[in-house]
């Protein structure tokens, strides 16, 4: 049973409407765009020793790319797990 206010705001059973849907799509697009630079960084790290890897990962550009990828994937995973728990638990 939905309240009139819920119908006006288009809120579903989770009371978040389509916000989670769009956030999950945005994080998926961000991860797709960041995937190529992350793969390049990982491939460059394959043949290097500890000092070379520390130097490469200490670069601000590489650190920002990896940090953005970690944040986007963690946020995407959290939204997905929330949906699974809401739907099946």
C-alpha atoms as a PDB file:
ATOM      1  CA  UNK A   1       0.000   0.000   0.000  1.00  0.00           C
ATOM      2  CA  UNK A   2       1.470   3.301  -1.065  1.00  0.00           C
ATOM      3  CA  UNK A   3       0.754   6.659   0.448  1.00  0.00           C
ATOM      4  CA  UNK A   4      -0.234   9.588  -1.763  1.00  0.00           C
ATOM      5  CA  UNK A   5       3.099  11.258  -1.040  1.00  0.00           C
ATOM      6  CA  UNK A   6       4.930   8.086  -2.065  1.00  0.00           C
ATOM      7  CA  UNK A   7       3.035   8.017  -5.350  1.00  0.00           C
ATOM      8  CA  UNK A   8       3.924  11.638  -6.037  1.00  0.00           C
ATOM      9  CA  UNK A   9       7.619  11.064  -5.348  1.00  0.00           C
ATOM     10  CA  UNK A  10       7.646   7.697  -7.197  1.00  0.00           C
ATOM     11  CA  UNK A  11       9.206   5.939  -4.239  1.00  0.00           C
ATOM     12  CA  UNK A  12       9.143   2.163  -4.217  1.00  0.00           C
ATOM     13  CA  UNK A  13       9.276  -0.269  -1.340  1.00  0.00           C
ATOM     14  CA  UNK A  14      12.862   0.713  -0.509  1.00  0.00           C
ATOM     15  CA  UNK A  15      11.838   4.386  -0.269  1.00  0.00           C
ATOM     16  CA  UNK A  16      14.662   5.462  -2.525  1.00  0.00           C
ATOM     17  CA  UNK A  17      12.944   5.499  -5.903  1.00  0.00           C
ATOM     18  CA  UNK A  18      15.254   5.275  -8.875  1.00  0.00           C
ATOM     19  CA  UNK A  19      18.182   6.954  -7.122  1.00  0.00           C
ATOM     20  CA  UNK A  20      19.991   3.685  -6.424  1.00  0.00           C
ATOM     21  CA  UNK A  21      19.343   2.507  -9.981  1.00  0.00           C
ATOM     22  CA  UNK A  22      20.987   5.586 -11.477  1.00  0.00           C
ATOM     23  CA  UNK A  23      23.844   5.604  -8.965  1.00  0.00           C
ATOM     24  CA  UNK A  24      24.639   2.008  -9.827  1.00  0.00           C
ATOM     25  CA  UNK A  25      24.647   2.814 -13.547  1.00  0.00           C
ATOM     26  CA  UNK A  26      26.898   5.840 -12.997  1.00  0.00           C
ATOM     27  CA  UNK A  27      29.396   3.819 -10.962  1.00  0.00           C
ATOM     28  CA  UNK A  28      29.351   1.108 -13.645  1.00  0.00           C
ATOM     29  CA  UNK A  29      30.205   3.666 -16.338  1.00  0.00           C
ATOM     30  CA  UNK A  30      32.944   5.128 -14.122  1.00  0.00           C
ATOM     31  CA  UNK A  31      34.424   1.669 -13.618  1.00  0.00           C
ATOM     32  CA  UNK A  32      34.350   0.945 -17.360  1.00  0.00           C
ATOM     33  CA  UNK A  33      36.153   4.230 -18.074  1.00  0.00           C
ATOM     34  CA  UNK A  34      38.739   3.579 -15.346  1.00  0.00           C
ATOM     35  CA  UNK A  35      39.309  -0.059 -16.316  1.00  0.00           C
ATOM     36  CA  UNK A  36      41.772   0.654 -19.155  1.00  0.00           C
ATOM     37  CA  UNK A  37      44.116   2.859 -17.069  1.00  0.00           C
ATOM     38  CA  UNK A  38      44.000   0.360 -14.191  1.00  0.00           C
ATOM     39  CA  UNK A  39      44.926  -2.501 -16.532  1.00  0.00           C
ATOM     40  CA  UNK A  40      47.787  -0.430 -17.961  1.00  0.00           C
ATOM     41  CA  UNK A  41      49.089   0.318 -14.453  1.00  0.00           C
ATOM     42  CA  UNK A  42      48.882  -3.336 -13.424  1.00  0.00           C
ATOM     43  CA  UNK A  43      50.692  -4.455 -16.588  1.00  0.00           C
ATOM     44  CA  UNK A  44      53.433  -1.895 -15.976  1.00  0.00           C
ATOM     45  CA  UNK A  45      53.813  -3.207 -12.419  1.00  0.00           C
ATOM     46  CA  UNK A  46      54.263  -6.840 -13.513  1.00  0.00           C
ATOM     47  CA  UNK A  47      57.976  -6.690 -14.295  1.00  0.00           C
ATOM     48  CA  UNK A  48      59.064  -4.182 -11.671  1.00  0.00           C
ATOM     49  CA  UNK A  49      60.643  -4.762  -8.296  1.00  0.00           C
ATOM     50  CA  UNK A  50      59.440  -3.346  -4.968  1.00  0.00           C
ATOM     51  CA  UNK A  51      61.208  -0.004  -5.386  1.00  0.00           C
ATOM     52  CA  UNK A  52      59.896   0.471  -8.921  1.00  0.00           C
ATOM     53  CA  UNK A  53      56.369  -0.421  -7.871  1.00  0.00           C
ATOM     54  CA  UNK A  54      56.527   1.963  -4.911  1.00  0.00           C
ATOM     55  CA  UNK A  55      57.783   4.733  -7.187  1.00  0.00           C
ATOM     56  CA  UNK A  56      55.042   4.128  -9.750  1.00  0.00           C
ATOM     57  CA  UNK A  57      52.257   3.892  -7.174  1.00  0.00           C
ATOM     58  CA  UNK A  58      53.602   7.028  -5.500  1.00  0.00           C
ATOM     59  CA  UNK A  59      52.848   9.033  -8.615  1.00  0.00           C
ATOM     60  CA  UNK A  60      49.853  11.336  -7.976  1.00  0.00           C
ATOM     61  CA  UNK A  61      48.156  10.489 -11.294  1.00  0.00           C
ATOM     62  CA  UNK A  62      48.394   6.727 -10.752  1.00  0.00           C
ATOM     63  CA  UNK A  63      47.279   7.061  -7.128  1.00  0.00           C
ATOM     64  CA  UNK A  64      44.235   9.131  -8.114  1.00  0.00           C
ATOM     65  CA  UNK A  65      43.246   6.680 -10.860  1.00  0.00           C
ATOM     66  CA  UNK A  66      43.495   3.695  -8.513  1.00  0.00           C
ATOM     67  CA  UNK A  67      41.698   5.540  -5.708  1.00  0.00           C
ATOM     68  CA  UNK A  68      38.828   6.518  -8.010  1.00  0.00           C
ATOM     69  CA  UNK A  69      38.555   2.931  -9.247  1.00  0.00           C
ATOM     70  CA  UNK A  70      38.474   1.569  -5.689  1.00  0.00           C
ATOM     71  CA  UNK A  71      35.848   4.116  -4.596  1.00  0.00           C
ATOM     72  CA  UNK A  72      33.635   3.480  -7.649  1.00  0.00           C
ATOM     73  CA  UNK A  73      33.835  -0.301  -7.314  1.00  0.00           C
ATOM     74  CA  UNK A  74      33.175  -0.226  -3.562  1.00  0.00           C
ATOM     75  CA  UNK A  75      30.179   2.074  -4.002  1.00  0.00           C
ATOM     76  CA  UNK A  76      28.860  -0.084  -6.860  1.00  0.00           C
ATOM     77  CA  UNK A  77      29.246  -3.220  -4.736  1.00  0.00           C
ATOM     78  CA  UNK A  78      27.475  -1.620  -1.763  1.00  0.00           C
ATOM     79  CA  UNK A  79      24.489  -0.605  -3.876  1.00  0.00           C
ATOM     80  CA  UNK A  80      24.318  -4.069  -5.448  1.00  0.00           C
ATOM     81  CA  UNK A  81      24.448  -5.829  -2.075  1.00  0.00           C
ATOM     82  CA  UNK A  82      21.783  -3.472  -0.732  1.00  0.00           C
ATOM     83  CA  UNK A  83      19.486  -4.390  -3.612  1.00  0.00           C
ATOM     84  CA  UNK A  84      20.124  -8.114  -3.094  1.00  0.00           C
ATOM     85  CA  UNK A  85      19.397  -7.842   0.631  1.00  0.00           C
ATOM     86  CA  UNK A  86      16.237  -5.784   0.042  1.00  0.00           C
ATOM     87  CA  UNK A  87      14.941  -8.178  -2.601  1.00  0.00           C
ATOM     88  CA  UNK A  88      15.806 -11.559  -1.139  1.00  0.00           C
ATOM     89  CA  UNK A  89      16.273 -11.245   2.611  1.00  0.00           C
END
